[in-house]
Amino acid sequence: MSDLGFFLIVTGLALISLGLTFVLFRFLKSSAQGQGKLLGGTIRYGGSLAGFVLVFGLLFGAFHQLRRDPGETTPISLAGKWSLELHPSSGAVVHGSATIRQRRNDPVLDISGELVETPITFNSIVGVIRNRNIYLIYENLDRERGLIRGQVIEDTPKTLHLVYTDLVGYDLNKDPSGILILTRKE
């Protein structure tokens, strides 16, 4: 929402609040009192001013709840259990499992997993989906760190093909790069 749109809505809410306050206190003989903190002191008000503050506060609160900005979102859903195939630079294939945690429509995700044949456990330090690209910074128990990246074509894919690359100085097992193939477990 633009600044001008927000200004127009708040101005409209203020005018509606003013109209409702006028009706309440002119024709319906209502009464109201309130107090609030202002510049380190307490200000007390009553009558139509308190009514205006009350009505405006209720209307603005309702508007704020209805127009809550969700921030960045994504239709991509990767959360769940996955089987994993690791294709390292040596050519051998290693199997394992992974779990991806992601809240609905949240572009931030977390992955953890383990490889069966070579007992390696890994987890992501940070993971994000940007447009249709996945970026994860990972670390395993041997303190190797690197970057996993890939693209997602479908919103709820059955398989993912990701490329991992160890960071310079963190490749302890002489496997600087490889491919991860994740298949969703049903």
Protein backbone atom coordinates (compact mmCIF):
# COMPACT_ATOMS: atom_id res chain seq x y z
CA MET A 1 0.00 0.00 0.00
CA SER A 2 1.38 3.39 -0.92
CA ASP A 3 1.85 6.23 1.57
CA LEU A 4 -0.88 8.25 -0.17
CA GLY A 5 -3.33 5.33 0.06
CA PHE A 6 -2.58 4.87 3.76
CA PHE A 7 -3.02 8.63 4.37
CA LEU A 8 -6.37 8.63 2.56
CA ILE A 9 -7.63 5.63 4.54
CA VAL A 10 -6.57 7.11 7.90
CA THR A 11 -8.17 10.45 6.94
CA GLY A 12 -11.36 8.61 5.96
CA LEU A 13 -11.36 6.73 9.27
CA ALA A 14 -10.91 10.02 11.14
CA LEU A 15 -13.85 11.61 9.27
CA ILE A 16 -16.07 8.58 9.92
CA SER A 17 -15.02 8.64 13.58
CA LEU A 18 -15.84 12.35 13.77
CA GLY A 19 -19.29 11.74 12.25
CA LEU A 20 -20.05 8.85 14.59
CA THR A 21 -18.82 10.85 17.60
CA PHE A 22 -21.05 13.78 16.60
CA VAL A 23 -24.11 11.49 16.39
CA LEU A 24 -23.24 9.75 19.70
CA PHE A 25 -22.73 12.92 21.70
CA ARG A 26 -25.14 15.31 20.00
CA PHE A 27 -28.20 13.13 19.55
CA LEU A 28 -27.71 10.10 21.82
CA LYS A 29 -26.28 11.98 24.83
CA SER A 30 -23.41 9.51 25.34
CA SER A 31 -20.52 9.96 27.72
CA ALA A 32 -16.95 8.66 27.72
CA GLN A 33 -13.72 9.11 29.64
CA GLY A 34 -10.17 8.10 28.91
CA GLN A 35 -6.57 8.65 29.84
CA GLY A 36 -3.24 8.04 28.20
CA LYS A 37 0.47 8.66 28.53
CA LEU A 38 1.79 11.72 26.73
CA LEU A 39 5.33 13.13 27.00
CA GLY A 40 6.00 11.34 30.27
CA GLY A 41 2.75 12.46 31.91
CA THR A 42 -0.81 11.28 31.98
CA ILE A 43 -3.50 13.14 30.08
CA ARG A 44 -7.17 12.67 30.98
CA TYR A 45 -10.00 13.50 28.64
CA GLY A 46 -13.73 13.04 28.58
CA GLY A 47 -16.87 13.78 26.65
CA SER A 48 -16.79 13.84 22.88
CA LEU A 49 -12.97 13.86 22.71
CA ALA A 50 -12.87 10.54 24.58
CA GLY A 51 -15.61 9.24 22.30
CA PHE A 52 -13.67 10.26 19.19
CA VAL A 53 -10.48 8.58 20.48
CA LEU A 54 -12.45 5.42 21.31
CA VAL A 55 -14.27 5.22 17.96
CA PHE A 56 -11.16 6.08 15.93
CA GLY A 57 -9.09 3.56 17.89
CA LEU A 58 -11.62 0.80 17.26
CA LEU A 59 -11.93 1.58 13.54
CA PHE A 60 -8.17 1.91 13.02
CA GLY A 61 -7.53 -1.31 14.97
CA ALA A 62 -10.03 -3.16 12.80
CA PHE A 63 -8.49 -1.70 9.62
CA HIS A 64 -5.01 -2.65 10.80
CA GLN A 65 -6.10 -6.26 11.42
CA LEU A 66 -7.78 -6.50 8.03
CA ARG A 67 -4.90 -4.95 6.08
CA ARG A 68 -2.00 -6.65 7.83
CA ASP A 69 0.90 -6.81 5.37
CA PRO A 70 2.13 -10.41 5.24
CA GLY A 71 5.57 -9.33 3.99
CA GLU A 72 7.41 -11.61 1.59
CA THR A 73 5.53 -14.79 0.80
CA THR A 74 5.97 -17.72 -1.56
CA PRO A 75 3.55 -20.28 -2.95
CA ILE A 76 6.32 -22.89 -2.83
CA SER A 77 5.84 -25.57 -0.16
CA LEU A 78 8.85 -27.78 0.64
CA ALA A 79 8.01 -28.78 4.23
CA GLY A 80 8.10 -32.49 4.97
CA LYS A 81 10.19 -35.64 4.97
CA TRP A 82 12.43 -36.36 1.97
CA SER A 83 14.62 -39.24 0.89
CA LEU A 84 18.04 -38.08 -0.20
CA GLU A 85 20.56 -39.18 -2.81
CA LEU A 86 23.97 -37.59 -2.63
CA HIS A 87 26.06 -37.63 -5.80
CA PRO A 88 29.52 -36.42 -4.65
CA SER A 89 32.39 -35.51 -6.94
CA SER A 90 33.89 -39.01 -6.41
CA GLY A 91 30.99 -40.56 -8.37
CA ALA A 92 29.65 -42.82 -5.58
CA VAL A 93 25.99 -42.50 -4.62
CA VAL A 94 25.13 -42.13 -0.93
CA HIS A 95 21.58 -42.42 0.43
CA GLY A 96 19.97 -40.74 3.38
CA SER A 97 17.01 -38.74 4.55
CA ALA A 98 16.22 -35.09 5.13
CA THR A 99 13.55 -33.00 6.80
CA ILE A 100 12.60 -29.56 5.52
CA ARG A 101 10.81 -27.24 7.90
CA GLN A 102 8.90 -24.29 6.45
CA ARG A 103 5.82 -22.43 7.62
CA ARG A 104 3.01 -22.02 5.09
CA ASN A 105 3.89 -19.35 2.48
CA ASP A 106 7.08 -18.45 4.37
CA PRO A 107 10.16 -18.04 2.16
CA VAL A 108 12.45 -18.99 5.07
CA LEU A 109 13.19 -22.68 5.48
CA ASP A 110 15.41 -25.04 7.41
CA ILE A 111 16.78 -28.43 6.36
CA SER A 112 18.45 -31.16 8.38
CA GLY A 113 19.39 -34.68 7.43
CA GLU A 114 21.73 -37.58 7.62
CA LEU A 115 23.51 -39.89 5.22
CA VAL A 116 23.32 -43.63 5.95
CA GLU A 117 26.45 -45.16 4.35
CA THR A 118 28.79 -42.44 5.58
CA PRO A 119 27.46 -41.30 8.93
CA ILE A 120 27.24 -37.57 8.22
CA THR A 121 24.61 -35.35 9.81
CA PHE A 122 24.00 -31.88 8.42
CA ASN A 123 21.69 -28.93 8.97
CA SER A 124 21.19 -25.53 7.46
CA ILE A 125 22.35 -22.37 9.13
CA VAL A 126 20.02 -20.25 7.01
CA GLY A 127 17.74 -21.06 4.09
CA VAL A 128 15.57 -18.92 1.86
CA ILE A 129 13.42 -19.16 -1.25
CA ARG A 130 13.81 -16.14 -3.50
CA ASN A 131 11.52 -16.13 -6.53
CA ARG A 132 11.98 -19.74 -7.73
CA ASN A 133 15.53 -20.16 -6.36
CA ILE A 134 16.51 -21.97 -3.16
CA TYR A 135 19.61 -20.93 -1.21
CA LEU A 136 20.81 -22.76 1.91
CA ILE A 137 23.99 -22.34 3.91
CA TYR A 138 24.75 -25.67 5.58
CA GLU A 139 27.12 -27.14 8.13
CA ASN A 140 27.76 -30.79 9.00
CA LEU A 141 29.10 -32.31 12.21
CA ASP A 142 32.62 -32.38 10.73
CA ARG A 143 32.38 -28.53 10.60
CA GLU A 144 32.27 -28.47 6.80
CA ARG A 145 30.26 -25.53 5.53
CA GLY A 146 28.90 -24.69 2.15
CA LEU A 147 26.11 -23.46 -0.04
CA ILE A 148 23.20 -25.45 -1.48
CA ARG A 149 21.34 -23.90 -4.36
CA GLY A 150 18.70 -24.93 -6.82
CA GLN A 151 15.53 -23.99 -8.63
CA VAL A 152 11.95 -25.00 -7.98
CA ILE A 153 9.63 -25.24 -10.97
CA GLU A 154 6.44 -26.41 -9.21
CA ASP A 155 4.82 -25.00 -6.05
CA THR A 156 4.80 -28.45 -4.39
CA PRO A 157 7.55 -30.45 -6.09
CA LYS A 158 7.95 -34.21 -5.75
CA THR A 159 11.72 -34.04 -6.41
CA LEU A 160 14.40 -31.40 -5.97
CA HIS A 161 17.77 -31.28 -7.70
CA LEU A 162 20.18 -29.15 -5.68
CA VAL A 163 23.88 -28.40 -6.10
CA TYR A 164 26.09 -28.18 -3.03
CA THR A 165 29.46 -26.47 -2.90
CA ASP A 166 31.73 -26.45 0.13
CA LEU A 167 33.16 -23.07 1.06
CA VAL A 168 36.88 -22.57 0.51
CA GLY A 169 38.78 -23.74 3.57
CA TYR A 170 35.89 -25.86 4.87
CA ASP A 171 36.22 -28.87 2.52
CA LEU A 172 37.73 -31.49 4.83
CA ASN A 173 36.69 -34.64 2.93
CA LYS A 174 38.01 -33.54 -0.49
CA ASP A 175 34.48 -33.40 -1.93
CA PRO A 176 34.12 -29.74 -2.92
CA SER A 177 30.90 -30.04 -4.92
CA GLY A 178 28.11 -32.43 -5.81
CA ILE A 179 24.42 -32.90 -6.41
CA LEU A 180 21.62 -33.63 -3.95
CA ILE A 181 18.46 -35.28 -5.24
CA LEU A 182 15.60 -35.08 -2.79
CA THR A 183 12.41 -37.10 -3.31
CA ARG A 184 9.36 -36.32 -1.22
CA LYS A 185 8.19 -39.20 0.99
CA GLU A 186 4.43 -39.67 0.74
